[in-house]
């Protein structure tokens, strides 16, 4: 794809001291079964294991978790490479926590460009906008709340469904967090269950079913 069509003309983004990126593709040889792509940060990295367990026997899972903000000039280049590993039956997209210090207008433009990129690369594939989780720090939570509000309004404007991971977590006791952004295992499971329910409903509506291979989650061939 011509990435220049989706890139910001200019970005003022300053990278973090440590930038990181991680991707896993489970049951990679299986190209017959439904495959879900998670795009996010350390939050999706945390809940992907529980999500994979909850969807065992129903779907395969690929995730790309990164510290990159969508305003980073390398974001789309890496996303393009990761998404060449399809096909995918469903895409879940989040970008927000690592964008808290980005120029807001640049972030909004780059975010919408990224959604356009995903829709153009995967026409007809369901795409969900995933709202960012809150912080244990109240001031950071308010920044995330405002960004999520824009996410929600944007999703409505382009007719995309939303998975809200902010509201179920925003009023949790401080003990639910391990630090300002990351959660204890019980909360991680809660987030995975919310995402799994959305996916199960979509699969039920579309009749998607996993065809197991010898490397599938239950190790059987059907």
Protein backbone atom coordinates (compact mmCIF):
# COMPACT_ATOMS: atom_id res chain seq x y z
CA UNK A 1 0.00 0.00 0.00
CA UNK A 2 1.04 3.61 -0.55
CA UNK A 3 1.65 4.64 3.05
CA UNK A 4 2.22 8.27 2.10
CA UNK A 5 -1.54 8.59 1.56
CA UNK A 6 -2.04 7.98 5.29
CA UNK A 7 0.99 9.68 6.84
CA UNK A 8 0.97 13.01 8.62
CA UNK A 9 2.69 15.72 6.61
CA UNK A 10 4.58 16.67 9.75
CA UNK A 11 4.72 15.26 13.26
CA UNK A 12 5.99 16.92 16.42
CA UNK A 13 5.96 13.63 18.32
CA UNK A 14 8.95 13.11 20.61
CA UNK A 15 9.63 9.45 21.21
CA UNK A 16 9.74 7.94 24.68
CA UNK A 17 13.07 7.08 26.28
CA UNK A 18 12.33 3.41 25.67
CA UNK A 19 10.24 2.52 22.64
CA UNK A 20 9.11 -1.09 22.31
CA UNK A 21 7.09 -3.32 20.04
CA UNK A 22 5.87 -6.90 20.40
CA UNK A 23 3.80 -9.17 18.19
CA UNK A 24 2.59 -12.76 18.56
CA UNK A 25 0.59 -14.80 16.07
CA UNK A 26 -0.86 -17.95 17.62
CA UNK A 27 -1.50 -21.07 15.57
CA UNK A 28 0.11 -19.24 12.64
CA UNK A 29 -0.10 -22.07 10.05
CA UNK A 30 -3.89 -22.15 10.31
CA UNK A 31 -5.26 -19.87 7.59
CA UNK A 32 -8.73 -21.43 7.47
CA UNK A 33 -10.05 -20.42 10.87
CA UNK A 34 -11.19 -16.99 12.09
CA UNK A 35 -8.25 -14.85 13.19
CA UNK A 36 -8.58 -11.78 15.42
CA UNK A 37 -6.03 -8.97 15.28
CA UNK A 38 -5.48 -6.87 18.41
CA UNK A 39 -3.69 -3.54 17.91
CA UNK A 40 -2.81 -1.70 21.09
CA UNK A 41 -0.28 -1.27 23.86
CA UNK A 42 0.67 -3.00 27.11
CA UNK A 43 -3.00 -3.23 28.10
CA UNK A 44 -3.86 -5.51 25.19
CA UNK A 45 -0.58 -7.35 25.75
CA UNK A 46 -1.78 -8.01 29.31
CA UNK A 47 -5.26 -9.29 28.47
CA UNK A 48 -4.44 -11.17 25.25
CA UNK A 49 -3.49 -14.34 27.15
CA UNK A 50 -6.83 -14.53 28.96
CA UNK A 51 -8.64 -13.59 25.75
CA UNK A 52 -6.92 -16.40 23.89
CA UNK A 53 -8.00 -18.81 26.62
CA UNK A 54 -11.59 -17.56 26.50
CA UNK A 55 -11.73 -17.95 22.71
CA UNK A 56 -10.02 -21.34 22.64
CA UNK A 57 -11.57 -23.50 19.96
CA UNK A 58 -13.34 -20.53 18.39
CA UNK A 59 -10.64 -18.29 16.93
CA UNK A 60 -6.92 -17.73 16.55
CA UNK A 61 -5.30 -14.58 17.86
CA UNK A 62 -2.64 -12.17 16.59
CA UNK A 63 -1.62 -9.10 18.55
CA UNK A 64 0.67 -6.14 18.03
CA UNK A 65 1.40 -4.17 21.18
CA UNK A 66 3.63 -1.11 20.97
CA UNK A 67 4.59 2.11 22.69
CA UNK A 68 4.30 3.91 19.36
CA UNK A 69 1.77 6.70 19.02
CA UNK A 70 -0.04 6.83 15.69
CA UNK A 71 1.75 10.16 15.10
CA UNK A 72 5.13 8.38 14.99
CA UNK A 73 6.37 8.38 11.38
CA UNK A 74 7.20 4.67 11.71
CA UNK A 75 3.80 3.62 13.07
CA UNK A 76 2.13 2.84 9.76
CA UNK A 77 5.22 1.20 8.33
CA UNK A 78 5.27 -1.28 11.19
CA UNK A 79 1.49 -1.73 11.17
CA UNK A 80 1.59 -2.47 7.44
CA UNK A 81 4.21 -5.17 8.02
CA UNK A 82 2.28 -6.73 10.93
CA UNK A 83 -1.01 -6.76 9.04
CA UNK A 84 0.58 -8.53 6.06
CA UNK A 85 0.31 -11.59 8.30
CA UNK A 86 -3.45 -11.96 7.79
CA UNK A 87 -6.05 -12.84 6.74
CA UNK A 88 -8.11 -11.51 9.62
CA UNK A 89 -11.77 -11.93 10.48
CA UNK A 90 -11.91 -9.08 12.99
CA UNK A 91 -9.64 -6.16 13.93
CA UNK A 92 -9.63 -4.38 17.30
CA UNK A 93 -7.80 -1.05 17.29
CA UNK A 94 -6.61 1.05 20.23
CA UNK A 95 -4.13 3.89 20.49
CA UNK A 96 -4.27 6.44 23.29
CA UNK A 97 -2.30 6.00 26.48
CA UNK A 98 1.07 6.48 24.78
CA UNK A 99 -0.44 9.45 22.91
CA UNK A 100 -1.30 11.43 26.04
CA UNK A 101 1.59 13.85 25.48
CA UNK A 102 1.19 14.04 21.70
CA UNK A 103 -0.23 17.09 20.02
CA UNK A 104 -3.96 16.41 20.19
CA UNK A 105 -4.80 17.61 16.70
CA UNK A 106 -1.96 15.60 15.19
CA UNK A 107 -3.08 12.53 17.12
CA UNK A 108 -6.66 12.87 15.92
CA UNK A 109 -5.56 13.25 12.31
CA UNK A 110 -3.13 10.32 12.53
CA UNK A 111 -5.72 8.18 14.34
CA UNK A 112 -8.33 8.76 11.64
CA UNK A 113 -5.69 8.12 8.96
CA UNK A 114 -4.85 4.80 10.61
CA UNK A 115 -8.49 3.75 10.65
CA UNK A 116 -8.74 4.68 6.98
CA UNK A 117 -5.61 2.62 6.29
CA UNK A 118 -7.10 -0.44 8.04
CA UNK A 119 -10.40 -0.10 6.21
CA UNK A 120 -8.69 0.29 2.85
CA UNK A 121 -6.36 -2.66 3.44
CA UNK A 122 -9.13 -4.90 4.81
CA UNK A 123 -12.37 -3.87 3.11
CA UNK A 124 -15.42 -5.53 4.61
CA UNK A 125 -13.56 -6.86 7.67
CA UNK A 126 -15.21 -5.77 10.94
CA UNK A 127 -13.19 -3.12 12.76
CA UNK A 128 -13.80 -2.15 16.38
CA UNK A 129 -12.51 0.94 18.14
CA UNK A 130 -11.30 0.03 21.65
CA UNK A 131 -11.33 2.80 24.25
CA UNK A 132 -8.28 3.24 26.46
CA UNK A 133 -8.38 2.16 30.08
CA UNK A 134 -8.14 4.74 32.88
CA UNK A 135 -5.17 5.43 35.12
CA UNK A 136 -4.81 5.09 38.86
CA UNK A 137 -3.75 8.75 38.67
CA UNK A 138 -6.83 10.97 38.52
CA UNK A 139 -5.23 13.69 36.42
CA UNK A 140 -4.10 11.18 33.80
CA UNK A 141 -7.55 9.61 33.81
CA UNK A 142 -9.10 12.93 32.84
CA UNK A 143 -6.77 13.19 29.85
CA UNK A 144 -7.70 9.66 28.81
CA UNK A 145 -11.40 10.40 29.33
CA UNK A 146 -11.20 13.35 26.93
CA UNK A 147 -9.34 11.29 24.34
CA UNK A 148 -11.90 8.50 24.65
CA UNK A 149 -14.69 11.01 24.15
CA UNK A 150 -13.15 12.01 20.85
CA UNK A 151 -12.67 8.32 19.96
CA UNK A 152 -16.34 7.67 20.59
CA UNK A 153 -17.53 10.62 18.55
CA UNK A 154 -15.16 9.76 15.75
CA UNK A 155 -16.30 6.12 15.72
CA UNK A 156 -19.91 7.27 15.45
CA UNK A 157 -19.03 9.58 12.57
CA UNK A 158 -17.53 6.71 10.56
CA UNK A 159 -20.06 4.07 11.70
CA UNK A 160 -17.65 1.90 13.67
CA UNK A 161 -18.58 -0.03 16.83
CA UNK A 162 -16.81 0.71 20.12
CA UNK A 163 -15.57 -1.56 22.89
CA UNK A 164 -15.54 0.45 26.10
CA UNK A 165 -12.81 -0.64 28.51
CA UNK A 166 -12.78 2.72 30.29
CA UNK A 167 -16.16 2.79 32.03
CA UNK A 168 -15.89 -0.69 33.65
CA UNK A 169 -12.51 0.20 35.18
CA UNK A 170 -12.72 3.89 36.02
CA UNK A 171 -14.35 3.46 39.43
CA UNK A 172 -12.37 0.44 40.57
CA UNK A 173 -10.58 0.51 43.91
CA UNK A 174 -6.97 1.57 43.70
CA UNK A 175 -6.00 -1.97 44.65
CA UNK A 176 -7.11 -3.08 41.16
CA UNK A 177 -3.98 -1.47 39.70
CA UNK A 178 -0.40 -2.66 39.92
CA UNK A 179 0.89 0.80 38.97
CA UNK A 180 -0.59 3.94 37.41
CA UNK A 181 -1.60 2.17 34.19
CA UNK A 182 -1.40 -1.60 34.63
CA UNK A 183 -3.87 -3.85 36.40
CA UNK A 184 -3.88 -6.77 38.78
CA UNK A 185 -4.79 -10.18 37.29
CA UNK A 186 -8.45 -10.03 38.32
CA UNK A 187 -8.98 -6.78 36.43
CA UNK A 188 -7.03 -8.08 33.43
CA UNK A 189 -9.44 -11.02 33.33
CA UNK A 190 -12.41 -8.65 33.50
CA UNK A 191 -11.12 -6.73 30.48
CA UNK A 192 -10.56 -9.96 28.54
CA UNK A 193 -14.10 -11.09 29.34
CA UNK A 194 -15.55 -7.82 28.04
CA UNK A 195 -13.65 -8.16 24.78
CA UNK A 196 -14.46 -11.87 24.47
CA UNK A 197 -18.19 -11.19 24.85
CA UNK A 198 -18.11 -8.67 22.01
CA UNK A 199 -16.25 -11.13 19.82
CA UNK A 200 -18.55 -14.03 20.68
CA UNK A 201 -21.58 -11.93 19.76
CA UNK A 202 -20.03 -10.99 16.42
CA UNK A 203 -19.11 -14.59 15.68
CA UNK A 204 -22.63 -15.73 16.53
CA UNK A 205 -24.07 -13.15 14.16
CA UNK A 206 -21.76 -14.20 11.32
CA UNK A 207 -21.53 -17.93 11.93
CA UNK A 208 -17.73 -17.91 12.16
CA UNK A 209 -16.24 -21.11 13.47
CA UNK A 210 -12.68 -22.27 13.97
CA UNK A 211 -11.42 -25.28 12.01
CA UNK A 212 -8.84 -26.79 14.33
CA UNK A 213 -5.41 -27.92 13.20
CA UNK A 214 -2.79 -30.02 14.94
CA UNK A 215 -1.24 -26.81 16.26
CA UNK A 216 -4.60 -25.43 17.38
CA UNK A 217 -5.44 -24.51 20.97
CA UNK A 218 -6.71 -27.98 21.88
CA UNK A 219 -4.17 -29.87 19.80
CA UNK A 220 -6.78 -31.70 17.71
CA UNK A 221 -7.63 -31.90 14.03
CA UNK A 222 -11.26 -31.45 13.00
